[in-house]
Amino acid sequence: MKLGLMLGYSGAELRVPVEKVRLAERLGYDTVWTAEAYGSDAITPLAFLAAHTERIRLGTAVIQLAGRTPANAAMAIATLDALAGHGRVVCGVGVSGPQIVEGWYGQPWGSPYYRLKDYVAIMKKIWRREEPVTHEGKEIRLPYRGEGALGVGKPLTSILHSRPDIPVFLGTGMEATVRLTAEVANGWLPLGYVPETASVYAPWIEAGLAKAGKTAADFEVQAMAPVEVTNDVQSSLDRMKPAIALYVGGMGHKNINFHKEMMVRRGFGEAAERIQELYLAKQKAEAVEAVPDEFVDQGALVGDRQRIATRFKAWEQSGATGLSITGDESAVRLMAEVAGLRGAGR
């Protein structure tokens, strides 16, 4: 199993942990990933890291679809790939949620399934440069002929000769979009994927791959888990609960919350309802207490070396091809040893 290092997005201040990323690269990690919400963007930090690293792949997990037109996203990713060299960039894309899409970007929520499908198709056309780009999709059309158009839009070919096969990963979680991911993308950035529920997704992925005439060898699954090396497992699990309560209870509309839906899908429906109820009632401490230990433990690697190594075996057997971790330097080093990376011990 390949390992990735997840950096996420910034808080109030942006700090790019260059030395930790360099350590991960020396140890043999495959990728480093950034994210964006409504603060720091995901692409700029990777450009900075490209100048301080040599081999590690640079991935977005994810850029938000509403934040850029597909052409602008293709330009930015192609530019980053050209700067980084060695074919190092992975373009991860996701739809975010309607509160951010409509509240932050001022874009309609629309039909995420078809918008994702159109978005990927347009980016790949731009990178391939086979002909001037046109697209007649259900959500996105090039040239634009909608309201306010002058009718003079011209199909264009990218001036930059980019790598034609830049991999696209999609951050999805529902059955229809996971099937679409396997069909049109090179990889999947799943939300809340754990070994215990991997079997739920397997037939969805198989159906998407079959529709495209692909096999599992053509597709990457990059899961994610926090790692804490500790002798006090309970305290570590407790420290992870506030973030879970925030996302399940308050990150999204009451009726459209992908994190809550994921928790339900993992078999914790009663807890998900209770957490959201408490969080929206501003009883945040009670919402945190309502997060089950088992739910946290399934999605994390917590404990001493033996406990983490035992749990990692389940991840290796889950069907995921990669695991992106968060954690301090000790976690980065331990995971390199547990995964048997070539640079472990450096």
Protein backbone atom coordinates (compact mmCIF):
# COMPACT_ATOMS: atom_id res chain seq x y z
CA MET A 1 0.00 0.00 0.00
CA LYS A 2 1.31 3.44 -0.97
CA LEU A 3 1.39 6.10 1.72
CA GLY A 4 0.42 9.73 1.37
CA LEU A 5 0.79 12.70 3.70
CA MET A 6 -2.34 14.83 4.08
CA LEU A 7 -1.73 18.49 4.89
CA GLY A 8 -5.31 19.68 4.51
CA TYR A 9 -6.12 23.37 4.43
CA SER A 10 -4.91 26.16 6.71
CA GLY A 11 -6.43 27.68 9.75
CA ALA A 12 -6.09 31.41 10.38
CA GLU A 13 -2.44 31.30 9.29
CA LEU A 14 -0.88 29.31 6.47
CA ARG A 15 2.17 27.26 7.37
CA VAL A 16 3.49 24.75 4.86
CA PRO A 17 5.43 22.02 6.76
CA VAL A 18 8.26 21.73 4.29
CA GLU A 19 10.55 19.64 6.53
CA LYS A 20 7.82 17.11 7.28
CA VAL A 21 7.11 16.76 3.55
CA ARG A 22 10.81 16.33 2.83
CA LEU A 23 10.97 13.66 5.53
CA ALA A 24 8.03 11.84 3.97
CA GLU A 25 9.73 11.98 0.59
CA ARG A 26 12.99 10.54 2.01
CA LEU A 27 11.06 7.76 3.72
CA GLY A 28 9.37 6.74 0.49
CA TYR A 29 5.91 8.27 0.73
CA ASP A 30 4.14 8.39 -2.62
CA THR A 31 2.10 11.60 -2.34
CA VAL A 32 1.49 14.77 -0.39
CA TRP A 33 -2.05 16.19 -0.45
CA THR A 34 -3.55 19.62 0.16
CA ALA A 35 -7.15 20.74 0.46
CA GLU A 36 -9.29 23.88 0.38
CA ALA A 37 -12.51 25.05 2.03
CA TYR A 38 -13.01 28.82 2.21
CA GLY A 39 -9.55 30.05 3.17
CA SER A 40 -6.26 28.88 1.69
CA ASP A 41 -6.44 27.28 -1.74
CA ALA A 42 -5.10 23.81 -2.55
CA ILE A 43 -2.88 24.52 -5.55
CA THR A 44 -0.56 27.32 -4.42
CA PRO A 45 1.00 25.35 -1.50
CA LEU A 46 1.79 22.51 -3.90
CA ALA A 47 3.63 24.91 -6.20
CA PHE A 48 5.68 25.99 -3.20
CA LEU A 49 6.38 22.36 -2.26
CA ALA A 50 7.34 21.52 -5.84
CA ALA A 51 10.34 23.80 -5.43
CA HIS A 52 11.43 22.03 -2.23
CA THR A 53 10.96 18.38 -3.25
CA GLU A 54 12.10 16.15 -6.08
CA ARG A 55 10.05 12.98 -6.34
CA ILE A 56 6.91 12.91 -4.20
CA ARG A 57 3.64 13.28 -6.09
CA LEU A 58 1.66 16.47 -5.45
CA GLY A 59 -2.09 16.01 -5.11
CA THR A 60 -5.16 18.13 -4.41
CA ALA A 61 -7.69 16.48 -2.14
CA VAL A 62 -9.62 18.35 -3.30
CA ILE A 63 -9.99 21.47 -5.39
CA GLN A 64 -13.60 22.61 -5.24
CA LEU A 65 -15.41 22.32 -8.53
CA ALA A 66 -17.40 25.54 -8.09
CA GLY A 67 -14.26 27.59 -7.44
CA ARG A 68 -12.89 27.32 -10.97
CA THR A 69 -14.22 26.68 -14.41
CA PRO A 70 -12.92 23.38 -15.80
CA ALA A 71 -10.68 25.30 -18.19
CA ASN A 72 -9.19 27.36 -15.37
CA ALA A 73 -8.64 24.23 -13.26
CA ALA A 74 -6.97 22.50 -16.20
CA MET A 75 -4.70 25.52 -16.73
CA ALA A 76 -3.70 25.72 -13.07
CA ILE A 77 -3.01 22.00 -12.75
CA ALA A 78 -1.07 21.90 -16.04
CA THR A 79 1.00 24.88 -14.91
CA LEU A 80 1.77 23.19 -11.59
CA ASP A 81 2.70 19.96 -13.37
CA ALA A 82 5.05 21.82 -15.70
CA LEU A 83 6.74 23.56 -12.77
CA ALA A 84 7.04 20.38 -10.71
CA GLY A 85 8.38 18.21 -13.51
CA HIS A 86 8.57 14.42 -13.65
CA GLY A 87 4.78 14.01 -14.04
CA ARG A 88 4.21 14.54 -10.34
CA VAL A 89 0.76 16.15 -10.13
CA VAL A 90 -2.55 14.48 -9.28
CA CYS A 91 -5.69 16.57 -9.78
CA GLY A 92 -8.26 15.72 -7.12
CA VAL A 93 -11.66 17.37 -7.60
CA GLY A 94 -14.79 17.46 -5.44
CA VAL A 95 -18.10 19.29 -5.38
CA SER A 96 -17.95 20.51 -1.74
CA GLY A 97 -21.49 21.19 -0.43
CA PRO A 98 -24.36 23.53 -1.31
CA GLN A 99 -23.66 25.91 1.57
CA ILE A 100 -20.17 26.64 0.20
CA VAL A 101 -21.05 26.37 -3.48
CA GLU A 102 -23.93 28.85 -3.25
CA GLY A 103 -22.83 30.84 -0.20
CA TRP A 104 -19.11 31.27 -0.91
CA TYR A 105 -18.73 30.87 -4.67
CA GLY A 106 -22.13 32.22 -5.70
CA GLN A 107 -22.73 29.26 -7.99
CA PRO A 108 -25.87 27.11 -8.28
CA TRP A 109 -25.70 23.65 -6.73
CA GLY A 110 -27.17 22.25 -9.96
CA SER A 111 -26.66 18.57 -10.72
CA PRO A 112 -23.32 17.51 -9.17
CA TYR A 113 -23.27 14.18 -11.05
CA TYR A 114 -23.39 15.77 -14.49
CA ARG A 115 -21.22 18.71 -13.50
CA LEU A 116 -18.48 16.32 -12.37
CA LYS A 117 -18.82 14.33 -15.58
CA ASP A 118 -18.57 17.46 -17.75
CA TYR A 119 -15.73 18.91 -15.67
CA VAL A 120 -13.51 15.85 -16.02
CA ALA A 121 -14.22 15.51 -19.73
CA ILE A 122 -13.29 19.14 -20.43
CA MET A 123 -10.06 19.03 -18.41
CA LYS A 124 -8.92 15.89 -20.20
CA LYS A 125 -9.73 17.41 -23.61
CA ILE A 126 -7.64 20.47 -22.72
CA TRP A 127 -4.64 18.42 -21.64
CA ARG A 128 -4.77 16.12 -24.67
CA ARG A 129 -4.80 19.03 -27.17
CA GLU A 130 -6.26 16.81 -29.91
CA GLU A 131 -8.50 19.58 -31.27
CA PRO A 132 -10.02 22.92 -30.20
CA VAL A 133 -12.11 22.21 -27.14
CA THR A 134 -15.87 22.00 -27.45
CA HIS A 135 -18.25 20.26 -25.09
CA GLU A 136 -22.01 19.74 -25.07
CA GLY A 137 -22.74 18.55 -21.55
CA LYS A 138 -25.86 18.62 -19.44
CA GLU A 139 -24.31 21.11 -17.00
CA ILE A 140 -21.38 22.69 -18.84
CA ARG A 141 -21.10 23.69 -22.50
CA LEU A 142 -18.20 25.12 -24.47
CA PRO A 143 -18.46 27.55 -26.13
CA TYR A 144 -20.97 29.16 -23.77
CA ARG A 145 -24.29 30.04 -25.41
CA GLY A 146 -26.45 30.72 -22.39
CA GLU A 147 -27.94 33.86 -20.92
CA GLY A 148 -25.90 36.96 -21.69
CA ALA A 149 -23.77 35.31 -24.38
CA LEU A 150 -22.76 37.32 -27.45
CA GLY A 151 -22.63 34.16 -29.51
CA VAL A 152 -19.02 34.68 -30.58
CA GLY A 153 -17.32 32.12 -28.32
CA LYS A 154 -14.46 30.38 -30.08
CA PRO A 155 -13.19 26.82 -29.46
CA LEU A 156 -9.53 27.02 -28.46
CA THR A 157 -6.55 24.72 -28.00
CA SER A 158 -4.28 25.15 -24.98
CA ILE A 159 -1.13 27.11 -25.76
CA LEU A 160 0.72 25.11 -23.12
CA HIS A 161 1.67 21.61 -24.22
CA SER A 162 0.84 19.82 -21.00
CA ARG A 163 1.13 16.21 -19.96
CA PRO A 164 -1.89 14.62 -21.68
CA ASP A 165 -2.51 11.98 -19.04
CA ILE A 166 -2.52 14.01 -15.81
CA PRO A 167 -4.45 11.75 -13.42
CA VAL A 168 -7.80 12.94 -12.12
CA PHE A 169 -9.16 11.68 -8.81
CA LEU A 170 -12.68 12.48 -7.62
CA GLY A 171 -13.81 13.00 -4.05
CA THR A 172 -17.21 11.27 -3.95
CA GLY A 173 -19.27 9.10 -1.62
CA MET A 174 -22.75 8.32 -2.95
CA GLU A 175 -23.43 5.33 -5.16
CA ALA A 176 -24.05 7.21 -8.41
CA THR A 177 -20.99 9.44 -8.08
CA VAL A 178 -18.71 6.60 -6.95
CA ARG A 179 -19.75 4.65 -10.05
CA LEU A 180 -19.05 7.75 -12.13
CA THR A 181 -15.64 8.14 -10.47
CA ALA A 182 -14.61 4.62 -11.45
CA GLU A 183 -15.90 5.23 -14.97
CA VAL A 184 -14.31 8.58 -15.85
CA ALA A 185 -11.48 9.17 -13.34
CA ASN A 186 -8.10 7.62 -12.57
CA GLY A 187 -8.66 7.40 -8.86
CA TRP A 188 -11.01 7.92 -5.93
CA LEU A 189 -10.67 10.06 -2.80
CA PRO A 190 -13.37 8.47 -0.62
CA LEU A 191 -15.08 10.16 2.29
CA GLY A 192 -15.04 8.04 5.43
CA TYR A 193 -13.71 4.88 3.80
CA VAL A 194 -12.75 2.27 6.40
CA PRO A 195 -11.95 -1.45 6.10
CA GLU A 196 -15.25 -2.39 7.78
CA THR A 197 -17.32 -0.82 4.99
CA ALA A 198 -15.07 -1.36 1.99
CA SER A 199 -17.42 -4.09 0.73
CA VAL A 200 -20.20 -1.51 0.36
CA TYR A 201 -18.26 0.36 -2.28
CA ALA A 202 -16.69 -2.57 -4.14
CA PRO A 203 -19.69 -3.32 -6.43
CA TRP A 204 -20.11 0.38 -7.22
CA ILE A 205 -16.48 0.63 -8.30
CA GLU A 206 -16.67 -2.60 -10.29
CA ALA A 207 -19.76 -1.35 -12.15
CA GLY A 208 -18.08 1.95 -13.07
CA LEU A 209 -14.90 0.25 -14.23
CA ALA A 210 -16.86 -2.26 -16.31
CA LYS A 211 -18.83 0.52 -18.00
CA ALA A 212 -15.57 2.14 -19.10
CA GLY A 213 -13.90 -1.14 -20.03
CA LYS A 214 -11.31 -0.72 -17.29
CA THR A 215 -9.96 -3.01 -14.60
CA ALA A 216 -8.92 -2.46 -11.00
CA ALA A 217 -5.33 -2.11 -12.23
CA ASP A 218 -6.40 1.13 -13.95
CA PHE A 219 -7.81 2.69 -10.79
CA GLU A 220 -6.41 4.01 -7.49
CA VAL A 221 -8.27 4.30 -4.20
CA GLN A 222 -6.64 6.78 -1.81
CA ALA A 223 -8.18 6.49 1.66
CA MET A 224 -7.28 8.71 4.62
CA ALA A 225 -6.73 8.20 8.36
CA PRO A 226 -5.25 10.19 11.24
CA VAL A 227 -2.36 8.50 13.05
CA GLU A 228 -1.40 8.96 16.69
CA VAL A 229 1.40 7.01 18.37
CA THR A 230 0.40 6.72 22.02
CA ASN A 231 -0.06 4.45 25.01
CA ASP A 232 -3.31 6.23 25.89
CA VAL A 233 -5.74 5.20 23.16
CA GLN A 234 -8.84 6.63 24.82
CA SER A 235 -7.36 10.12 25.15
CA SER A 236 -6.38 10.09 21.47
CA LEU A 237 -9.85 9.01 20.39
CA ASP A 238 -11.36 11.75 22.55
CA ARG A 239 -9.14 14.39 20.91
CA MET A 240 -10.48 13.39 17.48
CA LYS A 241 -14.13 13.65 18.44
CA PRO A 242 -14.61 17.45 18.24
CA ALA A 243 -13.69 17.53 14.55
CA ILE A 244 -16.06 14.65 13.83
CA ALA A 245 -18.87 16.37 15.73
CA LEU A 246 -18.23 19.57 13.77
CA TYR A 247 -18.42 17.89 10.37
CA VAL A 248 -21.29 15.51 11.15
CA GLY A 249 -23.26 18.05 13.12
CA GLY A 250 -22.54 21.40 11.60
CA MET A 251 -20.63 21.17 8.31
CA GLY A 252 -23.45 21.37 5.82
CA HIS A 253 -27.20 21.98 5.76
CA LYS A 254 -29.40 19.94 8.10
CA ASN A 255 -30.85 18.07 5.13
CA ILE A 256 -27.70 17.89 2.99
CA ASN A 257 -24.64 16.85 4.98
CA PHE A 258 -22.32 14.37 3.28
CA HIS A 259 -20.41 13.68 6.49
CA LYS A 260 -23.58 12.76 8.33
CA GLU A 261 -24.68 10.54 5.43
CA MET A 262 -21.29 8.82 5.51
CA MET A 263 -21.69 8.13 9.23
CA VAL A 264 -25.11 6.62 8.58
CA ARG A 265 -23.67 4.49 5.78
CA ARG A 266 -21.05 3.15 8.18
CA GLY A 267 -23.78 1.87 10.49
CA PHE A 268 -23.91 4.69 13.04
CA GLY A 269 -27.21 6.25 12.00
CA GLU A 270 -28.60 6.78 15.50
CA ALA A 271 -25.40 8.49 16.65
CA ALA A 272 -25.32 10.67 13.52
CA GLU A 273 -28.86 11.93 14.15
CA ARG A 274 -28.08 12.64 17.79
CA ILE A 275 -24.82 14.47 17.02
CA GLN A 276 -26.50 16.71 14.45
CA GLU A 277 -29.44 17.41 16.77
CA LEU A 278 -27.15 18.44 19.61
CA TYR A 279 -24.76 20.43 17.44
CA LEU A 280 -27.49 22.46 15.76
CA ALA A 281 -28.96 23.14 19.21
CA LYS A 282 -25.54 24.63 20.09
CA GLN A 283 -24.89 21.85 22.61
CA LYS A 284 -21.45 21.22 21.16
CA ALA A 285 -19.90 19.54 24.19
CA GLU A 286 -22.77 17.06 24.30
CA ALA A 287 -22.43 16.48 20.54
CA VAL A 288 -18.76 15.61 21.02
CA GLU A 289 -19.64 13.16 23.80
CA ALA A 290 -22.16 11.47 21.47
CA VAL A 291 -19.44 10.44 18.99
CA PRO A 292 -18.91 6.67 19.49
CA ASP A 293 -15.41 5.43 20.28
CA GLU A 294 -15.82 2.63 17.74
CA PHE A 295 -16.58 5.08 14.94
CA VAL A 296 -13.42 7.07 15.68
CA ASP A 297 -11.24 3.99 16.07
CA GLN A 298 -12.39 2.48 12.76
CA GLY A 299 -11.22 5.55 10.86
CA ALA A 300 -7.90 6.09 12.64
CA LEU A 301 -4.62 4.37 13.47
CA VAL A 302 -4.12 4.92 17.17
CA GLY A 303 -1.98 3.22 19.79
CA ASP A 304 1.48 1.74 20.15
CA ARG A 305 3.43 0.25 17.27
CA GLN A 306 1.84 -3.18 17.57
CA ARG A 307 -1.72 -1.89 17.68
CA ILE A 308 -1.15 0.37 14.69
CA ALA A 309 0.61 -2.38 12.72
CA THR A 310 -2.24 -4.81 13.38
CA ARG A 311 -4.86 -2.31 12.31
CA PHE A 312 -2.86 -1.31 9.22
CA LYS A 313 -3.12 -4.89 7.94
CA ALA A 314 -6.87 -4.38 7.67
CA TRP A 315 -6.31 -1.27 5.58
CA GLU A 316 -3.91 -3.16 3.31
CA GLN A 317 -6.56 -5.82 2.74
CA SER A 318 -9.43 -3.36 2.26
CA GLY A 319 -9.01 -2.76 -1.46
CA ALA A 320 -7.50 0.71 -1.05
CA THR A 321 -4.27 1.21 -3.00
CA GLY A 322 -3.08 4.13 -0.89
CA LEU A 323 -3.56 5.64 2.56
CA SER A 324 -3.02 9.31 3.31
CA ILE A 325 -2.21 10.00 6.92
CA THR A 326 -2.19 12.99 9.21
CA GLY A 327 0.08 13.08 12.23
CA ASP A 328 3.33 14.32 13.71
CA GLU A 329 6.85 13.28 12.73
CA SER A 330 6.74 10.17 14.91
CA ALA A 331 3.59 9.05 13.11
CA VAL A 332 5.18 9.70 9.72
CA ARG A 333 8.22 7.62 10.65
CA LEU A 334 6.26 4.78 12.25
CA MET A 335 3.93 4.42 9.26
CA ALA A 336 6.93 4.19 6.93
CA GLU A 337 8.24 1.27 9.02
CA VAL A 338 4.85 -0.44 9.28
CA ALA A 339 4.25 -0.13 5.53
CA GLY A 340 7.77 -1.32 4.72
CA LEU A 341 8.70 1.76 2.73
CA ARG A 342 12.17 1.72 1.19
CA GLY A 343 13.38 4.74 3.16
CA ALA A 344 12.11 3.59 6.55
CA GLY A 345 14.72 4.10 9.26
CA ARG A 346 16.33 7.15 7.71
